[in-house]
């Protein structure tokens, strides 16, 4: 009788294991969805951007020239750029760029390359301790793929 119960429990558990929750896929995000307004007080993140903060996201864009060759980040832009859209103040932060901190060094491609970036979204002002680069919106632990 005990063996039958074990068999029953095992057979009942297999379908549950089959449908066990898998790691949630990254949410796809677009530049047009990042902010909801821009006023004299600054830009306001869109509700969706705030909801995705701390979660994995995918964002496609263009790789701007890196600030420094040895930097572990680059700027992802909505459109291709030939010069770095570096800003020295978060008050001047443009709405069409996102700072990307790569997970693996050497992830940089040729400037202006169309790429897809997957990583964790961060919001809020942050100053890079090595370069002084100020950002409002970042993707960290990013994996970069050429499109």
N, C-alpha and C. Protein backbone atom coordinates (compact mmCIF):
# COMPACT_ATOMS: atom_id res chain seq x y z
N UNK A 1 0.82 -1.20 0.00
CA UNK A 1 0.00 0.00 0.00
C UNK A 1 0.86 1.25 0.00
N UNK A 2 1.97 1.25 0.79
CA UNK A 2 2.85 2.39 0.84
C UNK A 2 3.49 2.65 -0.52
N UNK A 3 3.87 1.59 -1.20
CA UNK A 3 4.48 1.75 -2.52
C UNK A 3 3.49 2.38 -3.48
N UNK A 4 2.25 1.99 -3.42
CA UNK A 4 1.25 2.57 -4.31
C UNK A 4 1.11 4.08 -4.04
N UNK A 5 1.17 4.46 -2.79
CA UNK A 5 1.04 5.88 -2.45
C UNK A 5 2.24 6.66 -3.01
N UNK A 6 3.45 6.07 -2.88
CA UNK A 6 4.64 6.74 -3.43
C UNK A 6 4.52 6.89 -4.94
N UNK A 7 4.08 5.82 -5.58
CA UNK A 7 3.93 5.90 -7.03
C UNK A 7 2.92 6.97 -7.41
N UNK A 8 1.84 7.02 -6.64
CA UNK A 8 0.82 8.03 -6.91
C UNK A 8 1.38 9.44 -6.75
N UNK A 9 2.10 9.66 -5.64
CA UNK A 9 2.67 10.98 -5.39
C UNK A 9 3.69 11.35 -6.45
N UNK A 10 4.52 10.38 -6.85
CA UNK A 10 5.52 10.65 -7.88
C UNK A 10 4.85 10.97 -9.21
N UNK A 11 3.84 10.20 -9.56
CA UNK A 11 3.17 10.47 -10.83
C UNK A 11 2.44 11.80 -10.80
N UNK A 12 1.97 12.20 -9.64
CA UNK A 12 1.29 13.50 -9.52
C UNK A 12 2.29 14.64 -9.56
N UNK A 13 3.53 14.42 -9.10
CA UNK A 13 4.53 15.48 -9.04
C UNK A 13 5.15 15.75 -10.40
N UNK A 14 5.25 14.75 -11.26
CA UNK A 14 5.92 14.94 -12.56
C UNK A 14 5.25 16.04 -13.39
N UNK A 15 3.92 16.04 -13.53
CA UNK A 15 3.33 17.16 -14.30
C UNK A 15 3.61 18.51 -13.66
N UNK A 16 3.65 18.57 -12.34
CA UNK A 16 3.94 19.85 -11.69
C UNK A 16 5.36 20.31 -11.99
N UNK A 17 6.30 19.36 -12.00
CA UNK A 17 7.69 19.72 -12.32
C UNK A 17 7.81 20.18 -13.76
N UNK A 18 7.04 19.56 -14.64
CA UNK A 18 7.07 19.94 -16.04
C UNK A 18 6.65 21.39 -16.23
N UNK A 19 5.68 21.86 -15.44
CA UNK A 19 5.19 23.22 -15.57
C UNK A 19 5.77 24.16 -14.51
N UNK A 20 6.88 23.76 -13.91
CA UNK A 20 7.52 24.62 -12.91
C UNK A 20 7.86 25.97 -13.53
N UNK A 21 7.77 27.02 -12.77
CA UNK A 21 8.05 28.34 -13.35
C UNK A 21 9.51 28.47 -13.78
N UNK A 22 9.70 28.96 -14.97
CA UNK A 22 11.04 29.21 -15.48
C UNK A 22 11.39 30.67 -15.19
N UNK A 23 12.66 30.98 -15.31
CA UNK A 23 13.09 32.36 -15.12
C UNK A 23 12.32 33.27 -16.06
N UNK A 24 11.80 34.34 -15.54
CA UNK A 24 11.00 35.25 -16.35
C UNK A 24 11.85 35.92 -17.40
N UNK A 25 11.33 35.93 -18.61
CA UNK A 25 12.06 36.54 -19.72
C UNK A 25 12.09 38.05 -19.54
N UNK A 26 13.09 38.66 -20.15
CA UNK A 26 13.23 40.10 -20.08
C UNK A 26 12.08 40.78 -20.82
N UNK A 27 11.66 41.91 -20.30
CA UNK A 27 10.63 42.72 -20.95
C UNK A 27 11.28 43.55 -22.05
N UNK A 28 10.64 43.64 -23.18
CA UNK A 28 11.14 44.46 -24.27
C UNK A 28 10.76 45.92 -24.00
N UNK A 29 11.71 46.80 -24.16
CA UNK A 29 11.51 48.21 -23.90
C UNK A 29 11.96 49.00 -25.11
N UNK A 30 11.31 50.14 -25.37
CA UNK A 30 11.67 51.00 -26.49
C UNK A 30 11.99 52.40 -25.97
N UNK A 31 12.82 53.13 -26.71
CA UNK A 31 13.20 54.48 -26.28
C UNK A 31 11.97 55.36 -26.08
N UNK A 32 10.97 55.24 -26.95
CA UNK A 32 9.78 56.08 -26.85
C UNK A 32 8.99 55.82 -25.57
N UNK A 33 9.25 54.69 -24.90
CA UNK A 33 8.51 54.34 -23.69
C UNK A 33 9.21 54.77 -22.40
N UNK A 34 10.41 55.34 -22.50
CA UNK A 34 11.21 55.60 -21.30
C UNK A 34 10.67 56.73 -20.42
N UNK A 35 10.20 57.82 -21.03
CA UNK A 35 9.78 59.00 -20.26
C UNK A 35 8.34 59.36 -20.61
N UNK A 36 7.64 59.97 -19.64
CA UNK A 36 6.27 60.40 -19.92
C UNK A 36 6.17 61.90 -20.13
N UNK A 37 7.14 62.66 -19.60
CA UNK A 37 7.07 64.11 -19.79
C UNK A 37 8.45 64.72 -19.60
N UNK A 38 8.56 65.94 -20.14
CA UNK A 38 9.78 66.74 -19.97
C UNK A 38 9.32 68.15 -19.66
N UNK A 39 9.69 68.63 -18.48
CA UNK A 39 9.28 69.97 -18.06
C UNK A 39 10.51 70.74 -17.60
N UNK A 40 10.30 71.97 -17.13
CA UNK A 40 11.42 72.76 -16.62
C UNK A 40 12.00 72.11 -15.36
N UNK A 41 11.22 71.26 -14.71
CA UNK A 41 11.69 70.55 -13.52
C UNK A 41 12.49 69.30 -13.89
N UNK A 42 12.53 69.00 -15.19
CA UNK A 42 13.25 67.81 -15.64
C UNK A 42 12.33 66.81 -16.30
N UNK A 43 12.88 65.65 -16.57
CA UNK A 43 12.10 64.61 -17.23
C UNK A 43 11.53 63.66 -16.17
N UNK A 44 10.37 63.13 -16.49
CA UNK A 44 9.72 62.17 -15.59
C UNK A 44 9.69 60.81 -16.28
N UNK A 45 10.15 59.79 -15.57
CA UNK A 45 10.10 58.46 -16.14
C UNK A 45 8.65 58.04 -16.36
N UNK A 46 8.44 57.26 -17.40
CA UNK A 46 7.12 56.69 -17.66
C UNK A 46 6.82 55.65 -16.58
N UNK A 47 5.54 55.42 -16.34
CA UNK A 47 5.14 54.43 -15.33
C UNK A 47 5.75 53.06 -15.64
N UNK A 48 5.76 52.70 -16.90
CA UNK A 48 6.31 51.38 -17.28
C UNK A 48 7.79 51.31 -16.96
N UNK A 49 8.53 52.40 -17.21
CA UNK A 49 9.96 52.42 -16.88
C UNK A 49 10.16 52.21 -15.39
N UNK A 50 9.36 52.89 -14.58
CA UNK A 50 9.47 52.74 -13.13
C UNK A 50 9.10 51.33 -12.68
N UNK A 51 8.10 50.74 -13.33
CA UNK A 51 7.70 49.37 -12.99
C UNK A 51 8.77 48.36 -13.35
N UNK A 52 9.55 48.65 -14.39
CA UNK A 52 10.59 47.71 -14.83
C UNK A 52 11.93 47.94 -14.11
N UNK A 53 12.03 48.98 -13.32
CA UNK A 53 13.30 49.22 -12.58
C UNK A 53 13.63 48.01 -11.72
N UNK A 54 14.88 47.55 -11.83
CA UNK A 54 15.33 46.39 -11.08
C UNK A 54 15.02 45.07 -11.75
N UNK A 55 14.42 45.12 -12.93
CA UNK A 55 14.02 43.89 -13.64
C UNK A 55 14.80 43.77 -14.96
N UNK A 56 14.86 42.56 -15.51
CA UNK A 56 15.55 42.39 -16.79
C UNK A 56 14.76 42.99 -17.94
N UNK A 57 15.48 43.69 -18.82
CA UNK A 57 14.86 44.31 -19.99
C UNK A 57 15.74 44.08 -21.22
N UNK A 58 15.13 44.21 -22.38
CA UNK A 58 15.82 44.22 -23.66
C UNK A 58 15.56 45.58 -24.30
N UNK A 59 16.60 46.19 -24.85
CA UNK A 59 16.45 47.48 -25.52
C UNK A 59 17.38 47.50 -26.72
N UNK A 60 16.85 47.88 -27.86
CA UNK A 60 17.65 47.96 -29.09
C UNK A 60 17.99 49.41 -29.37
N UNK A 61 19.17 49.63 -29.93
CA UNK A 61 19.61 50.98 -30.27
C UNK A 61 20.95 50.93 -30.97
N UNK A 62 21.69 52.02 -30.83
CA UNK A 62 23.00 52.14 -31.50
C UNK A 62 24.08 52.44 -30.46
N UNK A 63 25.21 51.81 -30.64
CA UNK A 63 26.33 51.98 -29.71
C UNK A 63 27.08 53.26 -30.06
N UNK A 64 27.10 54.22 -29.12
CA UNK A 64 27.86 55.46 -29.32
C UNK A 64 29.33 55.20 -29.02
N UNK A 65 30.20 56.07 -29.51
CA UNK A 65 31.62 55.89 -29.18
C UNK A 65 31.81 55.89 -27.67
N UNK A 66 32.63 54.97 -27.14
CA UNK A 66 32.84 54.91 -25.69
C UNK A 66 33.56 56.15 -25.19
N UNK A 67 33.25 56.53 -23.95
CA UNK A 67 33.89 57.67 -23.31
C UNK A 67 35.39 57.43 -23.21
N UNK A 68 35.77 56.24 -22.78
CA UNK A 68 37.16 55.83 -22.68
C UNK A 68 37.24 54.40 -23.20
N UNK A 69 38.33 54.06 -23.87
CA UNK A 69 38.43 52.68 -24.37
C UNK A 69 38.37 51.65 -23.26
N UNK A 70 38.87 51.98 -22.08
CA UNK A 70 38.89 51.00 -20.99
C UNK A 70 37.63 51.05 -20.12
N UNK A 71 36.67 51.91 -20.46
CA UNK A 71 35.45 52.03 -19.67
C UNK A 71 34.65 50.73 -19.76
N UNK A 72 33.91 50.43 -18.70
CA UNK A 72 33.07 49.24 -18.71
C UNK A 72 31.63 49.57 -19.08
N UNK A 73 31.43 50.73 -19.68
CA UNK A 73 30.09 51.11 -20.12
C UNK A 73 30.16 51.86 -21.43
N UNK A 74 29.02 51.94 -22.08
CA UNK A 74 28.88 52.76 -23.28
C UNK A 74 27.49 53.38 -23.26
N UNK A 75 27.24 54.28 -24.18
CA UNK A 75 25.93 54.93 -24.28
C UNK A 75 25.18 54.32 -25.46
N UNK A 76 23.97 53.87 -25.16
CA UNK A 76 23.07 53.35 -26.20
C UNK A 76 22.18 54.50 -26.64
N UNK A 77 22.10 54.74 -27.93
CA UNK A 77 21.31 55.86 -28.45
C UNK A 77 20.18 55.37 -29.33
N UNK A 78 19.17 56.21 -29.48
CA UNK A 78 18.03 55.88 -30.33
C UNK A 78 18.42 55.86 -31.80
N UNK A 79 19.28 56.81 -32.18
CA UNK A 79 19.74 56.90 -33.56
C UNK A 79 21.27 56.85 -33.58
N UNK A 80 21.85 56.47 -34.71
CA UNK A 80 23.32 56.42 -34.78
C UNK A 80 23.92 57.80 -34.55
N UNK A 81 25.05 57.85 -33.83
CA UNK A 81 25.75 59.11 -33.60
C UNK A 81 27.23 58.90 -33.93
N UNK A 82 27.88 59.99 -34.33
CA UNK A 82 29.29 59.88 -34.68
C UNK A 82 30.18 60.45 -33.58
N UNK A 83 29.58 61.16 -32.63
CA UNK A 83 30.33 61.68 -31.49
C UNK A 83 29.63 61.23 -30.21
N UNK A 84 30.38 61.17 -29.15
CA UNK A 84 29.82 60.72 -27.87
C UNK A 84 28.80 61.75 -27.36
N UNK A 85 27.61 61.32 -27.02
CA UNK A 85 26.60 62.26 -26.49
C UNK A 85 26.80 62.50 -25.00
N UNK A 86 28.06 62.59 -24.60
CA UNK A 86 28.40 62.74 -23.18
C UNK A 86 27.80 64.02 -22.62
N UNK A 87 27.23 63.93 -21.46
CA UNK A 87 26.68 65.09 -20.76
C UNK A 87 27.39 65.19 -19.42
N UNK A 88 27.66 66.38 -18.96
CA UNK A 88 28.36 66.52 -17.69
C UNK A 88 27.43 66.80 -16.52
N UNK A 89 26.16 66.80 -16.76
CA UNK A 89 25.19 67.07 -15.72
C UNK A 89 23.93 66.28 -15.99
N UNK A 90 23.29 65.76 -14.94
CA UNK A 90 22.06 65.03 -15.18
C UNK A 90 20.91 65.95 -15.57
N UNK A 91 21.07 67.28 -15.38
CA UNK A 91 20.06 68.23 -15.83
C UNK A 91 20.02 68.31 -17.35
N UNK A 92 21.16 67.99 -17.99
CA UNK A 92 21.24 68.03 -19.45
C UNK A 92 20.98 66.66 -20.08
N UNK A 93 20.55 65.73 -19.29
CA UNK A 93 20.41 64.35 -19.75
C UNK A 93 19.38 64.27 -20.88
N UNK A 94 19.79 63.84 -22.08
CA UNK A 94 18.84 63.71 -23.19
C UNK A 94 17.94 62.49 -23.00
N UNK A 95 16.76 62.53 -23.61
CA UNK A 95 15.79 61.45 -23.43
C UNK A 95 16.05 60.25 -24.32
N UNK A 96 17.02 60.38 -25.21
CA UNK A 96 17.19 59.29 -26.17
C UNK A 96 18.51 58.55 -25.98
N UNK A 97 19.01 58.48 -24.76
CA UNK A 97 20.20 57.69 -24.48
C UNK A 97 20.02 56.91 -23.18
N UNK A 98 20.70 55.78 -23.11
CA UNK A 98 20.71 54.94 -21.91
C UNK A 98 22.15 54.47 -21.73
N UNK A 99 22.66 54.57 -20.50
CA UNK A 99 24.00 54.07 -20.22
C UNK A 99 23.94 52.56 -20.01
N UNK A 100 24.87 51.86 -20.62
CA UNK A 100 24.89 50.40 -20.54
C UNK A 100 26.21 49.96 -19.91
N UNK A 101 26.10 49.31 -18.76
CA UNK A 101 27.27 48.72 -18.10
C UNK A 101 27.31 47.26 -18.52
N UNK A 102 28.37 46.89 -19.22
CA UNK A 102 28.46 45.54 -19.77
C UNK A 102 28.88 44.54 -18.70
N UNK A 103 28.36 43.33 -18.86
CA UNK A 103 28.69 42.25 -17.94
C UNK A 103 30.09 41.76 -18.17
N UNK A 104 30.50 41.74 -19.44
CA UNK A 104 31.79 41.17 -19.81
C UNK A 104 32.60 42.23 -20.55
N UNK A 105 33.82 42.47 -20.08
CA UNK A 105 34.70 43.43 -20.76
C UNK A 105 34.94 43.00 -22.20
N UNK A 106 35.13 43.97 -23.06
CA UNK A 106 35.38 43.66 -24.47
C UNK A 106 34.10 43.47 -25.26
N UNK A 107 32.97 43.93 -24.71
CA UNK A 107 31.69 43.78 -25.40
C UNK A 107 31.42 44.90 -26.39
N UNK A 108 32.39 45.80 -26.58
CA UNK A 108 32.16 46.94 -27.47
C UNK A 108 32.31 46.53 -28.92
N UNK A 109 31.44 47.09 -29.74
CA UNK A 109 31.47 46.86 -31.17
C UNK A 109 31.88 48.16 -31.83
N UNK A 110 31.93 48.15 -33.13
CA UNK A 110 32.28 49.37 -33.87
C UNK A 110 31.24 50.45 -33.57
N UNK A 111 31.69 51.68 -33.40
CA UNK A 111 30.79 52.80 -33.13
C UNK A 111 29.66 52.85 -34.14
N UNK A 112 28.48 53.15 -33.66
CA UNK A 112 27.33 53.27 -34.53
C UNK A 112 26.68 51.95 -34.88
N UNK A 113 27.15 50.86 -34.30
CA UNK A 113 26.58 49.56 -34.59
C UNK A 113 25.18 49.44 -33.97
N UNK A 114 24.27 48.84 -34.74
CA UNK A 114 22.95 48.53 -34.20
C UNK A 114 23.09 47.31 -33.30
N UNK A 115 22.61 47.44 -32.06
CA UNK A 115 22.77 46.36 -31.08
C UNK A 115 21.47 46.16 -30.30
N UNK A 116 21.40 45.00 -29.70
CA UNK A 116 20.35 44.70 -28.73
C UNK A 116 21.04 44.49 -27.39
N UNK A 117 20.52 45.10 -26.35
CA UNK A 117 21.13 45.03 -25.03
C UNK A 117 20.14 44.36 -24.08
N UNK A 118 20.62 43.39 -23.33
CA UNK A 118 19.80 42.71 -22.32
C UNK A 118 20.49 42.84 -20.97
N UNK A 119 19.75 43.33 -19.97
CA UNK A 119 20.32 43.49 -18.64
C UNK A 119 19.26 44.02 -17.70
N UNK A 120 19.69 44.45 -16.53
CA UNK A 120 18.77 44.92 -15.48
C UNK A 120 18.66 46.44 -15.55
N UNK A 121 17.44 46.94 -15.58
CA UNK A 121 17.18 48.38 -15.68
C UNK A 121 17.34 49.06 -14.32
N UNK A 122 18.05 50.19 -14.30
CA UNK A 122 18.18 51.03 -13.10
C UNK A 122 17.75 52.44 -13.45
N UNK A 123 17.04 53.10 -12.52
CA UNK A 123 16.62 54.49 -12.71
C UNK A 123 17.20 55.36 -11.60
N UNK A 124 17.28 56.66 -11.88
CA UNK A 124 17.76 57.62 -10.89
C UNK A 124 19.17 58.07 -11.19
N UNK A 125 19.52 59.22 -10.61
CA UNK A 125 20.83 59.81 -10.87
C UNK A 125 21.94 58.97 -10.23
N UNK A 126 23.00 58.78 -11.02
CA UNK A 126 24.17 58.04 -10.55
C UNK A 126 25.41 58.61 -11.23
N UNK A 127 26.47 58.77 -10.46
CA UNK A 127 27.74 59.23 -11.01
C UNK A 127 28.72 58.06 -10.99
N UNK A 128 29.30 57.77 -12.16
CA UNK A 128 30.28 56.71 -12.25
C UNK A 128 31.52 57.12 -11.46
N UNK A 129 31.96 56.28 -10.54
CA UNK A 129 33.06 56.63 -9.65
C UNK A 129 34.39 56.75 -10.39
N UNK A 130 34.57 56.04 -11.48
CA UNK A 130 35.83 56.08 -12.21
C UNK A 130 35.92 57.25 -13.19
N UNK A 131 34.80 57.57 -13.84
CA UNK A 131 34.85 58.57 -14.91
C UNK A 131 34.14 59.88 -14.57
N UNK A 132 33.26 59.87 -13.58
CA UNK A 132 32.48 61.06 -13.27
C UNK A 132 31.26 61.20 -14.18
N UNK A 133 31.04 60.23 -15.05
CA UNK A 133 29.91 60.27 -15.98
C UNK A 133 28.61 60.17 -15.17
N UNK A 134 27.70 61.11 -15.43
CA UNK A 134 26.42 61.15 -14.72
C UNK A 134 25.33 60.56 -15.59
N UNK A 135 24.53 59.69 -15.02
CA UNK A 135 23.44 59.08 -15.78
C UNK A 135 22.15 59.11 -14.99
N UNK A 136 21.05 59.04 -15.70
CA UNK A 136 19.71 58.97 -15.11
C UNK A 136 19.08 57.59 -15.29
N UNK A 137 19.53 56.89 -16.32
CA UNK A 137 18.91 55.62 -16.68
C UNK A 137 20.00 54.68 -17.15
N UNK A 138 20.03 53.47 -16.58
CA UNK A 138 21.10 52.53 -16.91
C UNK A 138 20.55 51.13 -17.11
N UNK A 139 21.31 50.34 -17.88
CA UNK A 139 21.11 48.90 -17.94
C UNK A 139 22.42 48.30 -17.47
N UNK A 140 22.36 47.51 -16.41
CA UNK A 140 23.58 46.93 -15.83
C UNK A 140 23.64 45.44 -16.11
N UNK A 141 24.84 44.87 -15.91
CA UNK A 141 25.07 43.44 -16.18
C UNK A 141 24.57 43.08 -17.57
N UNK A 142 24.88 43.94 -18.52
CA UNK A 142 24.31 43.81 -19.86
C UNK A 142 25.10 42.86 -20.75
N UNK A 143 24.34 42.18 -21.57
CA UNK A 143 24.88 41.37 -22.65
C UNK A 143 24.50 42.09 -23.94
N UNK A 144 25.48 42.28 -24.82
CA UNK A 144 25.27 43.04 -26.05
C UNK A 144 25.34 42.10 -27.24
N UNK A 145 24.35 42.23 -28.12
CA UNK A 145 24.33 41.44 -29.36
C UNK A 145 24.20 42.37 -30.55
N UNK A 146 24.98 42.11 -31.58
CA UNK A 146 24.87 42.89 -32.81
C UNK A 146 23.57 42.52 -33.52
N UNK A 147 22.87 43.51 -34.05
CA UNK A 147 21.64 43.24 -34.81
C UNK A 147 21.94 43.14 -36.29
